[in-house]
Amino acid sequence: MEVRNPNVILASGDRIAMDVECIKVISGFEGAKLKDDPWKYTQIQHGVKLGLGVKEEGACELVTE
């Protein structure tokens, strides 16, 4: 196992949006196992069905500084 420090702070009131963005950050590292579309992950789909957050890409805004 190799530890990496992304130097990123993510904050959100939306659980699904946060998980999707975290998967995107992780997938950006060489050797990352999370390479698929985050919206296709079973956990994300289940969270959407439970109404825990946004339902699709583009339903939230990513703000960077």
N, C-alpha and C. Protein backbone atom coordinates (compact mmCIF):
# COMPACT_ATOMS: atom_id res chain seq x y z
N MET A 1 0.84 -1.18 0.00
CA MET A 1 0.00 0.00 0.00
C MET A 1 0.89 1.23 0.00
N GLU A 2 0.54 2.18 -0.84
CA GLU A 2 1.27 3.43 -0.93
C GLU A 2 0.36 4.58 -0.50
N VAL A 3 0.83 5.39 0.43
CA VAL A 3 0.04 6.53 0.92
C VAL A 3 0.35 7.74 0.05
N ARG A 4 -0.69 8.46 -0.32
CA ARG A 4 -0.51 9.67 -1.13
C ARG A 4 -1.24 10.82 -0.45
N ASN A 5 -0.73 12.01 -0.62
CA ASN A 5 -1.33 13.20 -0.04
C ASN A 5 -1.82 14.11 -1.16
N PRO A 6 -3.13 14.18 -1.39
CA PRO A 6 -3.64 14.95 -2.52
C PRO A 6 -3.64 16.47 -2.30
N ASN A 7 -3.43 16.92 -1.05
CA ASN A 7 -3.47 18.36 -0.76
C ASN A 7 -4.77 19.00 -1.23
N VAL A 8 -5.88 18.35 -0.93
CA VAL A 8 -7.20 18.82 -1.33
C VAL A 8 -8.11 18.81 -0.11
N ILE A 9 -8.92 19.85 0.01
CA ILE A 9 -9.96 19.88 1.04
C ILE A 9 -11.30 19.92 0.31
N LEU A 10 -12.16 18.98 0.62
CA LEU A 10 -13.50 18.93 0.03
C LEU A 10 -14.53 19.15 1.12
N ALA A 11 -15.54 19.94 0.82
CA ALA A 11 -16.62 20.18 1.78
C ALA A 11 -17.94 20.22 1.03
N SER A 12 -18.96 19.62 1.63
CA SER A 12 -20.27 19.59 0.99
C SER A 12 -21.33 19.19 1.99
N GLY A 13 -22.52 19.64 1.77
CA GLY A 13 -23.66 19.20 2.55
C GLY A 13 -24.37 18.05 1.86
N ASP A 14 -23.84 17.64 0.73
CA ASP A 14 -24.46 16.59 -0.08
C ASP A 14 -23.56 15.35 -0.08
N ARG A 15 -24.04 14.28 0.49
CA ARG A 15 -23.23 13.07 0.64
C ARG A 15 -22.84 12.45 -0.69
N ILE A 16 -23.77 12.42 -1.62
CA ILE A 16 -23.50 11.80 -2.92
C ILE A 16 -22.48 12.63 -3.69
N ALA A 17 -22.67 13.94 -3.73
CA ALA A 17 -21.73 14.82 -4.44
C ALA A 17 -20.33 14.66 -3.86
N MET A 18 -20.23 14.59 -2.55
CA MET A 18 -18.93 14.45 -1.90
C MET A 18 -18.27 13.13 -2.28
N ASP A 19 -19.01 12.04 -2.21
CA ASP A 19 -18.45 10.74 -2.56
C ASP A 19 -17.99 10.69 -4.02
N VAL A 20 -18.80 11.24 -4.92
CA VAL A 20 -18.45 11.25 -6.34
C VAL A 20 -17.16 12.04 -6.56
N GLU A 21 -17.06 13.21 -5.96
CA GLU A 21 -15.86 14.03 -6.13
C GLU A 21 -14.64 13.36 -5.51
N CYS A 22 -14.81 12.70 -4.38
CA CYS A 22 -13.69 11.97 -3.76
C CYS A 22 -13.20 10.85 -4.66
N ILE A 23 -14.12 10.12 -5.28
CA ILE A 23 -13.73 9.06 -6.21
C ILE A 23 -12.95 9.66 -7.38
N LYS A 24 -13.37 10.81 -7.86
CA LYS A 24 -12.66 11.47 -8.97
C LYS A 24 -11.24 11.84 -8.56
N VAL A 25 -11.07 12.36 -7.34
CA VAL A 25 -9.73 12.72 -6.86
C VAL A 25 -8.86 11.47 -6.77
N ILE A 26 -9.39 10.43 -6.16
CA ILE A 26 -8.63 9.18 -6.01
C ILE A 26 -8.24 8.61 -7.37
N SER A 27 -9.16 8.65 -8.32
CA SER A 27 -8.89 8.06 -9.64
C SER A 27 -7.79 8.80 -10.40
N GLY A 28 -7.48 10.01 -9.98
CA GLY A 28 -6.45 10.78 -10.65
C GLY A 28 -5.03 10.35 -10.30
N PHE A 29 -4.86 9.50 -9.30
CA PHE A 29 -3.54 9.04 -8.90
C PHE A 29 -3.12 7.81 -9.68
N GLU A 30 -1.86 7.76 -10.03
CA GLU A 30 -1.32 6.61 -10.74
C GLU A 30 -1.49 5.36 -9.89
N GLY A 31 -1.98 4.30 -10.50
CA GLY A 31 -2.17 3.04 -9.80
C GLY A 31 -3.48 2.94 -9.04
N ALA A 32 -4.32 3.95 -9.13
CA ALA A 32 -5.60 3.93 -8.42
C ALA A 32 -6.51 2.84 -8.96
N LYS A 33 -7.23 2.18 -8.07
CA LYS A 33 -8.14 1.11 -8.47
C LYS A 33 -9.52 1.66 -8.87
N LEU A 34 -9.85 2.86 -8.42
CA LEU A 34 -11.16 3.46 -8.72
C LEU A 34 -11.06 4.23 -10.03
N LYS A 35 -11.31 3.57 -11.13
CA LYS A 35 -11.17 4.19 -12.44
C LYS A 35 -12.49 4.32 -13.21
N ASP A 36 -13.53 3.66 -12.76
CA ASP A 36 -14.81 3.70 -13.46
C ASP A 36 -15.54 5.01 -13.20
N ASP A 37 -16.61 5.22 -13.94
CA ASP A 37 -17.50 6.36 -13.72
C ASP A 37 -18.08 6.22 -12.32
N PRO A 38 -17.89 7.22 -11.43
CA PRO A 38 -18.38 7.12 -10.06
C PRO A 38 -19.88 6.84 -9.97
N TRP A 39 -20.64 7.32 -10.93
CA TRP A 39 -22.09 7.14 -10.91
C TRP A 39 -22.50 5.69 -11.14
N LYS A 40 -21.58 4.86 -11.60
CA LYS A 40 -21.88 3.44 -11.84
C LYS A 40 -21.58 2.56 -10.63
N TYR A 41 -20.95 3.12 -9.60
CA TYR A 41 -20.66 2.34 -8.39
C TYR A 41 -21.95 2.02 -7.64
N THR A 42 -22.06 0.78 -7.20
CA THR A 42 -23.25 0.31 -6.49
C THR A 42 -23.59 1.19 -5.30
N GLN A 43 -22.57 1.60 -4.53
CA GLN A 43 -22.81 2.40 -3.33
C GLN A 43 -23.41 3.76 -3.69
N ILE A 44 -22.94 4.36 -4.78
CA ILE A 44 -23.46 5.66 -5.22
C ILE A 44 -24.90 5.48 -5.69
N GLN A 45 -25.15 4.48 -6.49
CA GLN A 45 -26.51 4.22 -6.99
C GLN A 45 -27.49 3.97 -5.84
N HIS A 46 -27.05 3.23 -4.83
CA HIS A 46 -27.90 2.95 -3.69
C HIS A 46 -28.18 4.23 -2.90
N GLY A 47 -27.15 5.05 -2.71
CA GLY A 47 -27.33 6.33 -2.02
C GLY A 47 -28.30 7.25 -2.74
N VAL A 48 -28.24 7.24 -4.07
CA VAL A 48 -29.18 8.03 -4.87
C VAL A 48 -30.60 7.52 -4.64
N LYS A 49 -30.79 6.19 -4.66
CA LYS A 49 -32.12 5.61 -4.44
C LYS A 49 -32.66 5.97 -3.06
N LEU A 50 -31.76 6.09 -2.07
CA LEU A 50 -32.18 6.46 -0.71
C LEU A 50 -32.42 7.97 -0.56
N GLY A 51 -32.10 8.73 -1.61
CA GLY A 51 -32.31 10.17 -1.57
C GLY A 51 -31.29 10.92 -0.72
N LEU A 52 -30.06 10.41 -0.68
CA LEU A 52 -29.03 11.02 0.16
C LEU A 52 -28.33 12.20 -0.50
N GLY A 53 -28.65 12.51 -1.74
CA GLY A 53 -28.01 13.64 -2.41
C GLY A 53 -28.40 13.74 -3.86
N VAL A 54 -27.51 14.41 -4.62
CA VAL A 54 -27.79 14.63 -6.04
C VAL A 54 -27.99 13.32 -6.77
N LYS A 55 -28.69 13.40 -7.88
CA LYS A 55 -29.05 12.19 -8.61
C LYS A 55 -28.24 11.99 -9.90
N GLU A 56 -27.50 13.03 -10.32
CA GLU A 56 -26.77 12.90 -11.58
C GLU A 56 -25.66 13.94 -11.67
N GLU A 57 -24.73 13.67 -12.56
CA GLU A 57 -23.63 14.60 -12.83
C GLU A 57 -24.22 15.93 -13.31
N GLY A 58 -23.68 17.02 -12.88
CA GLY A 58 -24.16 18.33 -13.30
C GLY A 58 -25.23 18.90 -12.39
N ALA A 59 -25.69 18.10 -11.43
CA ALA A 59 -26.74 18.56 -10.51
C ALA A 59 -26.15 19.36 -9.34
N CYS A 60 -24.82 19.45 -9.29
CA CYS A 60 -24.16 20.23 -8.25
C CYS A 60 -23.04 21.03 -8.90
N GLU A 61 -22.55 22.00 -8.19
CA GLU A 61 -21.51 22.88 -8.72
C GLU A 61 -20.21 22.67 -7.94
N LEU A 62 -19.12 22.50 -8.65
CA LEU A 62 -17.81 22.36 -8.04
C LEU A 62 -17.15 23.73 -8.06
N VAL A 63 -16.81 24.23 -6.89
CA VAL A 63 -16.18 25.54 -6.76
C VAL A 63 -14.74 25.33 -6.33
N THR A 64 -13.80 25.93 -7.05
CA THR A 64 -12.39 25.78 -6.70
C THR A 64 -11.77 27.16 -6.49
N GLU A 65 -10.75 27.17 -5.69
CA GLU A 65 -10.01 28.43 -5.47
C GLU A 65 -8.54 28.19 -5.62
